Amino acid sequence: MLGSKDRDPAKIRAVGLTKWYDGLGDFNRVKLGRYLEYADASSADTFLVSVATQAVKDHNYAFAATAARYAAEILTDPISLFDANEQLVLALFNLKQYDECDAACEAGLARLTDKAVMAHVKGKKGVLPEALNCRNYKLNVAVGIHYDYDEGDRILDRFLEQGLINAEEAACRKQSIKIFRLQKTFDGIFALKEKDEPAQ
């Protein structure tokens, strides 16, 4: 485990991230030491993405955001930037930084217009994965956090138009939003009734 600058982080030097490492501070350097075993030191791109991914798996969302944000600052490869942003979306949502999460979702969705990025995301099977954070959390923030059901429907229409979901999935998700909306309305009415009931 790395606790200070005195210990030589070979993997970090190998990918040219010594400056970033030195600026982390002791606490985050210790955190980083937990992920070095799993870090892909093929390049700075793979290193930062793999570290952010491991930090998310470890529920260390603050450090995941630190790594992903630095990736956004220094990386140029569109695919690596997309992958780092996917981890940033998860980190920000779990940190309850919802406005920033929404902005990260928009950044990811914009990157999907790059044919190389889309091909990377679809993989060998040629289909979009269920766990597509920039798409899924864009909807989660609108509906699950802000309870903006109309915006949720508009987002689904946009996703359908962009080919990010099919017509069946769009209809299914709209139905789920409708049910969620009715449930929240019912819960609100029930809460008001309980509040209005006289004390026994």
N, C-alpha and C. Protein backbone atom coordinates (compact mmCIF):
# COMPACT_ATOMS: atom_id res chain seq x y z
N MET A 1 0.85 -1.20 0.00
CA MET A 1 0.00 0.00 0.00
C MET A 1 0.88 1.24 0.00
N LEU A 2 0.48 2.25 -0.77
CA LEU A 2 1.27 3.45 -0.89
C LEU A 2 0.79 4.50 0.09
N GLY A 3 1.68 4.98 0.92
CA GLY A 3 1.26 5.95 1.91
C GLY A 3 1.98 7.27 1.80
N SER A 4 3.01 7.34 0.98
CA SER A 4 3.75 8.59 0.87
C SER A 4 4.47 8.64 -0.46
N LYS A 5 5.01 9.83 -0.77
CA LYS A 5 5.75 10.01 -2.01
C LYS A 5 7.08 9.26 -1.99
N ASP A 6 7.52 8.82 -0.82
CA ASP A 6 8.82 8.18 -0.70
C ASP A 6 8.83 6.80 -1.36
N ARG A 7 7.69 6.16 -1.45
CA ARG A 7 7.63 4.86 -2.08
C ARG A 7 7.37 5.04 -3.57
N ASP A 8 8.20 4.40 -4.39
CA ASP A 8 8.15 4.60 -5.82
C ASP A 8 6.97 3.85 -6.44
N PRO A 9 5.95 4.56 -6.93
CA PRO A 9 4.83 3.90 -7.60
C PRO A 9 5.19 3.59 -9.05
N ALA A 10 5.76 2.42 -9.28
CA ALA A 10 6.30 2.08 -10.60
C ALA A 10 5.26 2.16 -11.70
N LYS A 11 4.08 1.65 -11.44
CA LYS A 11 3.04 1.68 -12.47
C LYS A 11 2.67 3.11 -12.86
N ILE A 12 2.67 3.99 -11.87
CA ILE A 12 2.30 5.37 -12.14
C ILE A 12 3.38 6.05 -12.96
N ARG A 13 4.61 5.78 -12.65
CA ARG A 13 5.72 6.34 -13.44
C ARG A 13 5.69 5.80 -14.85
N ALA A 14 5.34 4.54 -14.99
CA ALA A 14 5.34 3.90 -16.31
C ALA A 14 4.34 4.54 -17.27
N VAL A 15 3.24 5.05 -16.72
CA VAL A 15 2.21 5.65 -17.58
C VAL A 15 2.26 7.18 -17.57
N GLY A 16 3.29 7.74 -16.93
CA GLY A 16 3.49 9.18 -16.96
C GLY A 16 2.51 9.98 -16.12
N LEU A 17 2.06 9.39 -15.01
CA LEU A 17 1.09 10.07 -14.16
C LEU A 17 1.67 10.49 -12.81
N THR A 18 2.98 10.67 -12.75
CA THR A 18 3.63 11.05 -11.50
C THR A 18 3.12 12.39 -10.98
N LYS A 19 2.92 13.35 -11.88
CA LYS A 19 2.43 14.67 -11.48
C LYS A 19 1.06 14.55 -10.83
N TRP A 20 0.19 13.76 -11.42
CA TRP A 20 -1.15 13.55 -10.84
C TRP A 20 -1.04 12.89 -9.48
N TYR A 21 -0.21 11.88 -9.38
CA TYR A 21 -0.02 11.15 -8.13
C TYR A 21 0.50 12.07 -7.02
N ASP A 22 1.48 12.90 -7.36
CA ASP A 22 2.06 13.81 -6.36
C ASP A 22 1.04 14.83 -5.86
N GLY A 23 0.06 15.15 -6.69
CA GLY A 23 -0.94 16.13 -6.30
C GLY A 23 -2.12 15.57 -5.56
N LEU A 24 -2.15 14.25 -5.34
CA LEU A 24 -3.31 13.62 -4.72
C LEU A 24 -3.44 13.90 -3.23
N GLY A 25 -2.32 14.03 -2.55
CA GLY A 25 -2.38 14.13 -1.09
C GLY A 25 -2.29 12.74 -0.48
N ASP A 26 -1.86 12.66 0.78
CA ASP A 26 -1.60 11.37 1.41
C ASP A 26 -2.83 10.46 1.45
N PHE A 27 -3.98 11.01 1.78
CA PHE A 27 -5.18 10.18 1.92
C PHE A 27 -5.52 9.48 0.60
N ASN A 28 -5.53 10.24 -0.49
CA ASN A 28 -5.87 9.65 -1.78
C ASN A 28 -4.77 8.75 -2.32
N ARG A 29 -3.52 9.02 -1.96
CA ARG A 29 -2.45 8.12 -2.37
C ARG A 29 -2.60 6.75 -1.71
N VAL A 30 -3.03 6.77 -0.45
CA VAL A 30 -3.31 5.50 0.23
C VAL A 30 -4.47 4.79 -0.46
N LYS A 31 -5.51 5.54 -0.82
CA LYS A 31 -6.64 4.96 -1.53
C LYS A 31 -6.20 4.33 -2.85
N LEU A 32 -5.38 5.05 -3.58
CA LEU A 32 -4.90 4.56 -4.86
C LEU A 32 -4.13 3.26 -4.70
N GLY A 33 -3.39 3.15 -3.60
CA GLY A 33 -2.61 1.94 -3.35
C GLY A 33 -3.46 0.68 -3.32
N ARG A 34 -4.75 0.83 -2.99
CA ARG A 34 -5.65 -0.32 -2.92
C ARG A 34 -5.99 -0.85 -4.31
N TYR A 35 -5.81 -0.01 -5.33
CA TYR A 35 -6.24 -0.39 -6.67
C TYR A 35 -5.10 -0.67 -7.64
N LEU A 36 -3.87 -0.43 -7.21
CA LEU A 36 -2.73 -0.61 -8.11
C LEU A 36 -2.61 -2.05 -8.61
N GLU A 37 -2.97 -3.00 -7.77
CA GLU A 37 -2.88 -4.41 -8.17
C GLU A 37 -3.75 -4.69 -9.40
N TYR A 38 -4.86 -3.98 -9.50
CA TYR A 38 -5.81 -4.23 -10.58
C TYR A 38 -5.66 -3.24 -11.72
N ALA A 39 -4.81 -2.25 -11.57
CA ALA A 39 -4.69 -1.19 -12.57
C ALA A 39 -4.01 -1.71 -13.83
N ASP A 40 -4.54 -1.31 -14.96
CA ASP A 40 -3.97 -1.64 -16.25
C ASP A 40 -2.98 -0.55 -16.64
N ALA A 41 -1.69 -0.88 -16.57
CA ALA A 41 -0.65 0.12 -16.82
C ALA A 41 -0.18 0.11 -18.27
N SER A 42 -1.06 -0.28 -19.19
CA SER A 42 -0.70 -0.25 -20.61
C SER A 42 -0.51 1.18 -21.09
N SER A 43 -1.28 2.09 -20.52
CA SER A 43 -1.20 3.50 -20.90
C SER A 43 -1.87 4.33 -19.82
N ALA A 44 -1.72 5.64 -19.90
CA ALA A 44 -2.41 6.52 -18.95
C ALA A 44 -3.91 6.35 -19.08
N ASP A 45 -4.39 6.14 -20.31
CA ASP A 45 -5.81 5.96 -20.56
C ASP A 45 -6.36 4.77 -19.79
N THR A 46 -5.74 3.61 -20.02
CA THR A 46 -6.24 2.39 -19.39
C THR A 46 -6.04 2.43 -17.88
N PHE A 47 -4.97 3.08 -17.45
CA PHE A 47 -4.71 3.16 -16.01
C PHE A 47 -5.82 3.93 -15.29
N LEU A 48 -6.12 5.11 -15.76
CA LEU A 48 -7.12 5.95 -15.09
C LEU A 48 -8.51 5.32 -15.16
N VAL A 49 -8.85 4.73 -16.30
CA VAL A 49 -10.16 4.08 -16.42
C VAL A 49 -10.25 2.89 -15.48
N SER A 50 -9.20 2.07 -15.44
CA SER A 50 -9.24 0.88 -14.59
C SER A 50 -9.26 1.24 -13.11
N VAL A 51 -8.54 2.29 -12.73
CA VAL A 51 -8.54 2.74 -11.33
C VAL A 51 -9.92 3.29 -10.95
N ALA A 52 -10.50 4.09 -11.82
CA ALA A 52 -11.85 4.62 -11.55
C ALA A 52 -12.86 3.49 -11.44
N THR A 53 -12.73 2.49 -12.29
CA THR A 53 -13.64 1.34 -12.26
C THR A 53 -13.52 0.58 -10.95
N GLN A 54 -12.30 0.33 -10.52
CA GLN A 54 -12.09 -0.39 -9.26
C GLN A 54 -12.60 0.42 -8.07
N ALA A 55 -12.41 1.73 -8.12
CA ALA A 55 -12.89 2.58 -7.02
C ALA A 55 -14.42 2.54 -6.93
N VAL A 56 -15.10 2.53 -8.08
CA VAL A 56 -16.56 2.42 -8.08
C VAL A 56 -16.98 1.09 -7.48
N LYS A 57 -16.31 0.01 -7.88
CA LYS A 57 -16.63 -1.32 -7.34
C LYS A 57 -16.44 -1.36 -5.83
N ASP A 58 -15.49 -0.58 -5.35
CA ASP A 58 -15.18 -0.51 -3.92
C ASP A 58 -16.07 0.50 -3.20
N HIS A 59 -17.02 1.10 -3.92
CA HIS A 59 -17.91 2.13 -3.38
C HIS A 59 -17.14 3.36 -2.91
N ASN A 60 -15.96 3.54 -3.47
CA ASN A 60 -15.14 4.71 -3.13
C ASN A 60 -15.38 5.77 -4.21
N TYR A 61 -16.57 6.34 -4.16
CA TYR A 61 -17.04 7.18 -5.26
C TYR A 61 -16.28 8.49 -5.37
N ALA A 62 -15.84 9.03 -4.27
CA ALA A 62 -15.10 10.29 -4.31
C ALA A 62 -13.78 10.11 -5.06
N PHE A 63 -13.08 9.01 -4.79
CA PHE A 63 -11.82 8.78 -5.50
C PHE A 63 -12.06 8.42 -6.96
N ALA A 64 -13.13 7.67 -7.22
CA ALA A 64 -13.48 7.35 -8.61
C ALA A 64 -13.71 8.62 -9.41
N ALA A 65 -14.40 9.58 -8.81
CA ALA A 65 -14.65 10.86 -9.48
C ALA A 65 -13.34 11.61 -9.71
N THR A 66 -12.43 11.54 -8.74
CA THR A 66 -11.12 12.20 -8.89
C THR A 66 -10.37 11.65 -10.09
N ALA A 67 -10.31 10.33 -10.20
CA ALA A 67 -9.59 9.69 -11.30
C ALA A 67 -10.27 9.98 -12.64
N ALA A 68 -11.59 9.88 -12.67
CA ALA A 68 -12.33 10.09 -13.92
C ALA A 68 -12.24 11.54 -14.39
N ARG A 69 -12.29 12.47 -13.44
CA ARG A 69 -12.19 13.88 -13.82
C ARG A 69 -10.80 14.21 -14.39
N TYR A 70 -9.78 13.61 -13.80
CA TYR A 70 -8.43 13.85 -14.32
C TYR A 70 -8.30 13.25 -15.72
N ALA A 71 -8.94 12.11 -15.92
CA ALA A 71 -8.93 11.50 -17.25
C ALA A 71 -9.54 12.45 -18.27
N ALA A 72 -10.62 13.11 -17.89
CA ALA A 72 -11.28 14.06 -18.79
C ALA A 72 -10.38 15.24 -19.13
N GLU A 73 -9.46 15.56 -18.22
CA GLU A 73 -8.57 16.70 -18.43
C GLU A 73 -7.42 16.37 -19.37
N ILE A 74 -6.90 15.15 -19.28
CA ILE A 74 -5.65 14.87 -20.00
C ILE A 74 -5.78 13.90 -21.17
N LEU A 75 -6.82 13.09 -21.20
CA LEU A 75 -6.92 12.09 -22.26
C LEU A 75 -7.48 12.70 -23.53
N THR A 76 -7.13 12.09 -24.64
CA THR A 76 -7.61 12.56 -25.94
C THR A 76 -8.35 11.47 -26.71
N ASP A 77 -8.12 10.22 -26.37
CA ASP A 77 -8.79 9.13 -27.08
C ASP A 77 -10.28 9.11 -26.76
N PRO A 78 -11.15 9.20 -27.76
CA PRO A 78 -12.60 9.27 -27.50
C PRO A 78 -13.15 8.07 -26.74
N ILE A 79 -12.63 6.89 -27.01
CA ILE A 79 -13.13 5.69 -26.34
C ILE A 79 -12.76 5.70 -24.87
N SER A 80 -11.51 6.05 -24.57
CA SER A 80 -11.08 6.11 -23.17
C SER A 80 -11.84 7.20 -22.42
N LEU A 81 -12.07 8.31 -23.08
CA LEU A 81 -12.84 9.40 -22.45
C LEU A 81 -14.26 8.95 -22.15
N PHE A 82 -14.85 8.20 -23.06
CA PHE A 82 -16.20 7.69 -22.82
C PHE A 82 -16.20 6.72 -21.63
N ASP A 83 -15.24 5.80 -21.61
CA ASP A 83 -15.19 4.81 -20.53
C ASP A 83 -14.98 5.47 -19.18
N ALA A 84 -14.11 6.47 -19.13
CA ALA A 84 -13.88 7.20 -17.87
C ALA A 84 -15.15 7.93 -17.45
N ASN A 85 -15.84 8.51 -18.41
CA ASN A 85 -17.06 9.25 -18.11
C ASN A 85 -18.16 8.33 -17.58
N GLU A 86 -18.21 7.10 -18.06
CA GLU A 86 -19.19 6.15 -17.57
C GLU A 86 -19.00 5.90 -16.07
N GLN A 87 -17.76 5.84 -15.63
CA GLN A 87 -17.48 5.67 -14.20
C GLN A 87 -17.79 6.95 -13.43
N LEU A 88 -17.55 8.10 -14.08
CA LEU A 88 -17.84 9.38 -13.44
C LEU A 88 -19.34 9.52 -13.19
N VAL A 89 -20.16 9.09 -14.14
CA VAL A 89 -21.62 9.13 -13.97
C VAL A 89 -22.02 8.36 -12.72
N LEU A 90 -21.53 7.15 -12.57
CA LEU A 90 -21.85 6.33 -11.40
C LEU A 90 -21.38 6.99 -10.11
N ALA A 91 -20.16 7.51 -10.14
CA ALA A 91 -19.60 8.13 -8.94
C ALA A 91 -20.42 9.33 -8.50
N LEU A 92 -20.74 10.20 -9.45
CA LEU A 92 -21.48 11.43 -9.11
C LEU A 92 -22.89 11.13 -8.63
N PHE A 93 -23.53 10.14 -9.22
CA PHE A 93 -24.88 9.79 -8.77
C PHE A 93 -24.85 9.30 -7.33
N ASN A 94 -23.88 8.45 -7.02
CA ASN A 94 -23.79 7.92 -5.67
C ASN A 94 -23.30 8.95 -4.66
N LEU A 95 -22.63 9.99 -5.14
CA LEU A 95 -22.24 11.11 -4.29
C LEU A 95 -23.37 12.12 -4.13
N LYS A 96 -24.50 11.84 -4.80
CA LYS A 96 -25.68 12.72 -4.78
C LYS A 96 -25.40 14.08 -5.38
N GLN A 97 -24.47 14.12 -6.31
CA GLN A 97 -24.18 15.35 -7.06
C GLN A 97 -24.94 15.26 -8.38
N TYR A 98 -26.24 15.43 -8.28
CA TYR A 98 -27.12 15.08 -9.39
C TYR A 98 -27.01 16.00 -10.59
N ASP A 99 -26.80 17.27 -10.38
CA ASP A 99 -26.66 18.18 -11.52
C ASP A 99 -25.39 17.85 -12.30
N GLU A 100 -24.31 17.57 -11.58
CA GLU A 100 -23.06 17.19 -12.24
C GLU A 100 -23.21 15.83 -12.92
N CYS A 101 -23.95 14.94 -12.30
CA CYS A 101 -24.21 13.64 -12.89
C CYS A 101 -24.96 13.80 -14.21
N ASP A 102 -25.96 14.66 -14.21
CA ASP A 102 -26.74 14.90 -15.42
C ASP A 102 -25.84 15.46 -16.52
N ALA A 103 -24.95 16.37 -16.16
CA ALA A 103 -24.02 16.95 -17.14
C ALA A 103 -23.08 15.88 -17.69
N ALA A 104 -22.63 14.96 -16.82
CA ALA A 104 -21.77 13.87 -17.26
C ALA A 104 -22.52 12.93 -18.20
N CYS A 105 -23.80 12.72 -17.91
CA CYS A 105 -24.64 11.91 -18.80
C CYS A 105 -24.71 12.54 -20.19
N GLU A 106 -24.90 13.84 -20.23
CA GLU A 106 -24.97 14.54 -21.51
C GLU A 106 -23.65 14.42 -22.26
N ALA A 107 -22.54 14.50 -21.53
CA ALA A 107 -21.23 14.36 -22.16
C ALA A 107 -21.07 12.96 -22.77
N GLY A 108 -21.52 11.96 -22.04
CA GLY A 108 -21.44 10.60 -22.55
C GLY A 108 -22.33 10.38 -23.76
N LEU A 109 -23.54 10.91 -23.71
CA LEU A 109 -24.46 10.78 -24.83
C LEU A 109 -23.90 11.46 -26.08
N ALA A 110 -23.25 12.58 -25.88
CA ALA A 110 -22.64 13.28 -27.01
C ALA A 110 -21.52 12.45 -27.63
N ARG A 111 -20.77 11.76 -26.78
CA ARG A 111 -19.67 10.94 -27.29
C ARG A 111 -20.17 9.72 -28.07
N LEU A 112 -21.38 9.30 -27.81
CA LEU A 112 -21.94 8.16 -28.53
C LEU A 112 -22.22 8.47 -29.99
N THR A 113 -22.17 9.74 -30.37
CA THR A 113 -22.34 10.09 -31.78
C THR A 113 -21.09 9.76 -32.59
N ASP A 114 -19.99 9.51 -31.89
CA ASP A 114 -18.75 9.08 -32.54
C ASP A 114 -18.89 7.60 -32.91
N LYS A 115 -18.74 7.28 -34.18
CA LYS A 115 -18.95 5.91 -34.66
C LYS A 115 -18.02 4.91 -33.97
N ALA A 116 -16.79 5.32 -33.72
CA ALA A 116 -15.83 4.43 -33.06
C ALA A 116 -16.26 4.13 -31.63
N VAL A 117 -16.75 5.15 -30.94
CA VAL A 117 -17.23 4.97 -29.57
C VAL A 117 -18.44 4.06 -29.56
N MET A 118 -19.39 4.28 -30.46
CA MET A 118 -20.59 3.44 -30.52
C MET A 118 -20.23 1.99 -30.81
N ALA A 119 -19.29 1.78 -31.72
CA ALA A 119 -18.86 0.41 -32.04
C ALA A 119 -18.21 -0.24 -30.82
N HIS A 120 -17.44 0.53 -30.09
CA HIS A 120 -16.80 0.04 -28.86
C HIS A 120 -17.84 -0.36 -27.83
N VAL A 121 -18.84 0.47 -27.66
CA VAL A 121 -19.88 0.22 -26.66
C VAL A 121 -20.71 -1.02 -27.05
N LYS A 122 -21.02 -1.15 -28.31
CA LYS A 122 -21.83 -2.28 -28.77
C LYS A 122 -21.06 -3.59 -28.71
N GLY A 123 -19.74 -3.52 -28.88
CA GLY A 123 -18.93 -4.72 -28.79
C GLY A 123 -19.16 -5.68 -29.95
N LYS A 124 -18.69 -6.90 -29.77
CA LYS A 124 -18.75 -7.90 -30.84
C LYS A 124 -20.18 -8.30 -31.19
N LYS A 125 -21.07 -8.22 -30.22
CA LYS A 125 -22.47 -8.61 -30.47
C LYS A 125 -23.24 -7.56 -31.25
N GLY A 126 -22.71 -6.35 -31.29
CA GLY A 126 -23.35 -5.30 -32.05
C GLY A 126 -24.62 -4.74 -31.45
N VAL A 127 -24.75 -4.88 -30.13
CA VAL A 127 -25.94 -4.34 -29.45
C VAL A 127 -25.51 -3.52 -28.24
N LEU A 128 -26.32 -2.54 -27.91
CA LEU A 128 -26.02 -1.72 -26.74
C LEU A 128 -26.25 -2.52 -25.46
N PRO A 129 -25.36 -2.38 -24.49
CA PRO A 129 -25.53 -3.11 -23.22
C PRO A 129 -26.64 -2.50 -22.37
N GLU A 130 -27.18 -3.31 -21.48
CA GLU A 130 -28.19 -2.79 -20.54
C GLU A 130 -27.57 -1.75 -19.62
N ALA A 131 -26.34 -2.01 -19.20
CA ALA A 131 -25.65 -1.09 -18.28
C ALA A 131 -24.93 -0.01 -19.08
N LEU A 132 -25.70 0.94 -19.61
CA LEU A 132 -25.15 2.09 -20.31
C LEU A 132 -25.44 3.31 -19.44
N ASN A 133 -24.45 3.69 -18.65
CA ASN A 133 -24.68 4.64 -17.56
C ASN A 133 -25.18 6.00 -18.03
N CYS A 134 -24.59 6.54 -19.10
CA CYS A 134 -24.99 7.87 -19.53
C CYS A 134 -26.45 7.91 -19.97
N ARG A 135 -26.94 6.81 -20.51
CA ARG A 135 -28.35 6.73 -20.90
C ARG A 135 -29.23 6.48 -19.68
N ASN A 136 -28.87 5.48 -18.91
CA ASN A 136 -29.73 5.05 -17.80
C ASN A 136 -29.85 6.10 -16.70
N TYR A 137 -28.73 6.73 -16.35
CA TYR A 137 -28.76 7.68 -15.24
C TYR A 137 -29.30 9.04 -15.66
N LYS A 138 -29.29 9.32 -16.95
CA LYS A 138 -29.99 10.53 -17.44
C LYS A 138 -31.46 10.42 -17.08
N LEU A 139 -32.03 9.25 -17.29
CA LEU A 139 -33.43 9.02 -16.96
C LEU A 139 -33.63 8.93 -15.46
N ASN A 140 -32.70 8.28 -14.76
CA ASN A 140 -32.81 8.13 -13.31
C ASN A 140 -32.85 9.49 -12.60
N VAL A 141 -31.99 10.40 -13.05
CA VAL A 141 -31.95 11.72 -12.42
C VAL A 141 -33.26 12.47 -12.66
N ALA A 142 -33.74 12.43 -13.90
CA ALA A 142 -34.96 13.16 -14.24
C ALA A 142 -36.17 12.64 -13.49
N VAL A 143 -36.33 11.32 -13.48
CA VAL A 143 -37.54 10.72 -12.90
C VAL A 143 -37.36 10.35 -11.43
N GLY A 144 -36.28 9.67 -11.11
CA GLY A 144 -36.10 9.17 -9.76
C GLY A 144 -35.68 10.21 -8.75
N ILE A 145 -35.01 11.25 -9.21
CA ILE A 145 -34.52 12.29 -8.30
C ILE A 145 -35.40 13.54 -8.35
N HIS A 146 -35.67 14.02 -9.57
CA HIS A 146 -36.42 15.27 -9.70
C HIS A 146 -37.92 15.05 -9.89
N TYR A 147 -38.33 13.80 -10.05
CA TYR A 147 -39.75 13.47 -10.26
C TYR A 147 -40.35 14.26 -11.42
N ASP A 148 -39.54 14.47 -12.45
CA ASP A 148 -39.99 15.18 -13.64
C ASP A 148 -40.42 14.13 -14.67
N TYR A 149 -41.66 13.70 -14.55
CA TYR A 149 -42.15 12.59 -15.37
C TYR A 149 -42.29 12.98 -16.84
N ASP A 150 -42.70 14.19 -17.11
CA ASP A 150 -42.81 14.64 -18.50
C ASP A 150 -41.44 14.68 -19.16
N GLU A 151 -40.45 15.13 -18.40
CA GLU A 151 -39.09 15.14 -18.93
C GLU A 151 -38.62 13.71 -19.18
N GLY A 152 -39.01 12.79 -18.31
CA GLY A 152 -38.66 11.40 -18.52
C GLY A 152 -39.20 10.87 -19.84
N ASP A 153 -40.43 11.22 -20.15
CA ASP A 153 -41.02 10.81 -21.44
C ASP A 153 -40.28 11.44 -22.61
N ARG A 154 -39.90 12.71 -22.45
CA ARG A 154 -39.16 13.38 -23.53
C ARG A 154 -37.80 12.74 -23.73
N ILE A 155 -37.15 12.36 -22.64
CA ILE A 155 -35.85 11.69 -22.74
C ILE A 155 -35.99 10.37 -23.48
N LEU A 156 -37.03 9.62 -23.16
CA LEU A 156 -37.24 8.34 -23.84
C LEU A 156 -37.50 8.54 -25.33
N ASP A 157 -38.25 9.57 -25.68
CA ASP A 157 -38.48 9.88 -27.09
C ASP A 157 -37.15 10.20 -27.79
N ARG A 158 -36.32 10.95 -27.09
CA ARG A 158 -35.01 11.30 -27.64
C ARG A 158 -34.16 10.04 -27.82
N PHE A 159 -34.15 9.18 -26.83
CA PHE A 159 -33.36 7.95 -26.92
C PHE A 159 -33.84 7.07 -28.08
N LEU A 160 -35.16 7.01 -28.25
CA LEU A 160 -35.72 6.22 -29.35
C LEU A 160 -35.28 6.79 -30.69
N GLU A 161 -35.34 8.10 -30.81
CA GLU A 161 -34.93 8.76 -32.06
C GLU A 161 -33.45 8.54 -32.35
N GLN A 162 -32.64 8.50 -31.29
CA GLN A 162 -31.19 8.33 -31.45
C GLN A 162 -30.77 6.87 -31.55
N GLY A 163 -31.73 5.96 -31.44
CA GLY A 163 -31.41 4.55 -31.54
C GLY A 163 -30.79 3.95 -30.30
N LEU A 164 -30.97 4.62 -29.16
CA LEU A 164 -30.40 4.13 -27.90
C LEU A 164 -31.32 3.15 -27.20
N ILE A 165 -32.58 3.11 -27.59
CA ILE A 165 -33.54 2.12 -27.14
C ILE A 165 -34.46 1.81 -28.32
N ASN A 166 -35.16 0.67 -28.25
CA ASN A 166 -36.12 0.36 -29.31
C ASN A 166 -37.53 0.78 -28.88
N ALA A 167 -38.47 0.66 -29.79
CA ALA A 167 -39.84 1.11 -29.52
C ALA A 167 -40.48 0.35 -28.37
N GLU A 168 -40.21 -0.94 -28.30
CA GLU A 168 -40.79 -1.76 -27.22
C GLU A 168 -40.26 -1.32 -25.86
N GLU A 169 -38.97 -1.07 -25.80
CA GLU A 169 -38.37 -0.64 -24.53
C GLU A 169 -38.85 0.75 -24.14
N ALA A 170 -38.99 1.63 -25.12
CA ALA A 170 -39.49 2.98 -24.84
C ALA A 170 -40.90 2.91 -24.25
N ALA A 171 -41.75 2.08 -24.85
CA ALA A 171 -43.12 1.95 -24.35
C ALA A 171 -43.14 1.36 -22.95
N CYS A 172 -42.30 0.37 -22.72
CA CYS A 172 -42.23 -0.29 -21.41
C CYS A 172 -41.76 0.69 -20.34
N ARG A 173 -40.76 1.49 -20.66
CA ARG A 173 -40.24 2.45 -19.68
C ARG A 173 -41.23 3.58 -19.43
N LYS A 174 -41.93 3.97 -20.46
CA LYS A 174 -42.96 5.01 -20.26
C LYS A 174 -44.07 4.48 -19.35
N GLN A 175 -44.41 3.23 -19.51
CA GLN A 175 -45.41 2.64 -18.64
C GLN A 175 -44.91 2.58 -17.20
N SER A 176 -43.64 2.26 -17.03
CA SER A 176 -43.04 2.23 -15.69
C SER A 176 -43.08 3.62 -15.05
N ILE A 177 -42.80 4.65 -15.85
CA ILE A 177 -42.86 6.02 -15.34
C ILE A 177 -44.28 6.36 -14.91
N LYS A 178 -45.25 5.94 -15.71
CA LYS A 178 -46.65 6.22 -15.38
C LYS A 178 -47.04 5.56 -14.06
N ILE A 179 -46.61 4.32 -13.87
CA ILE A 179 -46.91 3.60 -12.62
C ILE A 179 -46.21 4.27 -11.44
N PHE A 180 -44.96 4.64 -11.64
CA PHE A 180 -44.19 5.32 -10.59
C PHE A 180 -44.85 6.64 -10.21
N ARG A 181 -45.32 7.35 -11.22
CA ARG A 181 -45.98 8.64 -11.00
C ARG A 181 -47.26 8.46 -10.19
N LEU A 182 -48.05 7.46 -10.54
CA LEU A 182 -49.29 7.20 -9.81
C LEU A 182 -48.99 6.79 -8.38
N GLN A 183 -47.94 5.99 -8.20
CA GLN A 183 -47.58 5.54 -6.86
C GLN A 183 -47.16 6.71 -5.98
N LYS A 184 -46.35 7.62 -6.56
CA LYS A 184 -45.91 8.78 -5.80
C LYS A 184 -47.10 9.68 -5.45
N THR A 185 -48.05 9.78 -6.40
CA THR A 185 -49.25 10.59 -6.14
C THR A 185 -50.06 9.97 -5.02
N PHE A 186 -50.23 8.64 -5.08
CA PHE A 186 -50.97 7.93 -4.04
C PHE A 186 -50.29 8.07 -2.68
N ASP A 187 -48.96 7.92 -2.67
CA ASP A 187 -48.22 8.06 -1.41
C ASP A 187 -48.41 9.45 -0.82
N GLY A 188 -48.42 10.47 -1.70
CA GLY A 188 -48.60 11.83 -1.22
C GLY A 188 -49.98 12.05 -0.63
N ILE A 189 -50.99 11.51 -1.30
CA ILE A 189 -52.36 11.63 -0.79
C ILE A 189 -52.50 10.90 0.54
N PHE A 190 -51.93 9.73 0.63
CA PHE A 190 -52.01 8.92 1.85
C PHE A 190 -51.32 9.65 3.00
N ALA A 191 -50.18 10.27 2.71
CA ALA A 191 -49.45 11.00 3.75
C ALA A 191 -50.26 12.19 4.24
N LEU A 192 -50.94 12.87 3.32
CA LEU A 192 -51.77 14.01 3.71
C LEU A 192 -52.94 13.56 4.58
N LYS A 193 -53.56 12.43 4.23
CA LYS A 193 -54.67 11.90 5.01
C LYS A 193 -54.22 11.56 6.42
N GLU A 194 -53.04 10.94 6.53
CA GLU A 194 -52.54 10.58 7.86
C GLU A 194 -52.29 11.85 8.68
N LYS A 195 -51.78 12.88 8.03
CA LYS A 195 -51.46 14.12 8.73
C LYS A 195 -52.74 14.82 9.20
N ASP A 196 -53.79 14.70 8.38
CA ASP A 196 -55.02 15.39 8.71
C ASP A 196 -55.89 14.66 9.75
N GLU A 197 -55.60 13.38 9.97
CA GLU A 197 -56.39 12.63 10.93
C GLU A 197 -56.19 13.16 12.34
N PRO A 198 -57.26 13.34 13.11
CA PRO A 198 -57.11 13.84 14.49
C PRO A 198 -56.41 12.82 15.37
N ALA A 199 -55.65 13.31 16.30
CA ALA A 199 -54.96 12.40 17.23
C ALA A 199 -55.98 11.70 18.11
N GLN A 200 -55.72 10.43 18.38
CA GLN A 200 -56.64 9.63 19.21
C GLN A 200 -56.37 9.89 20.68
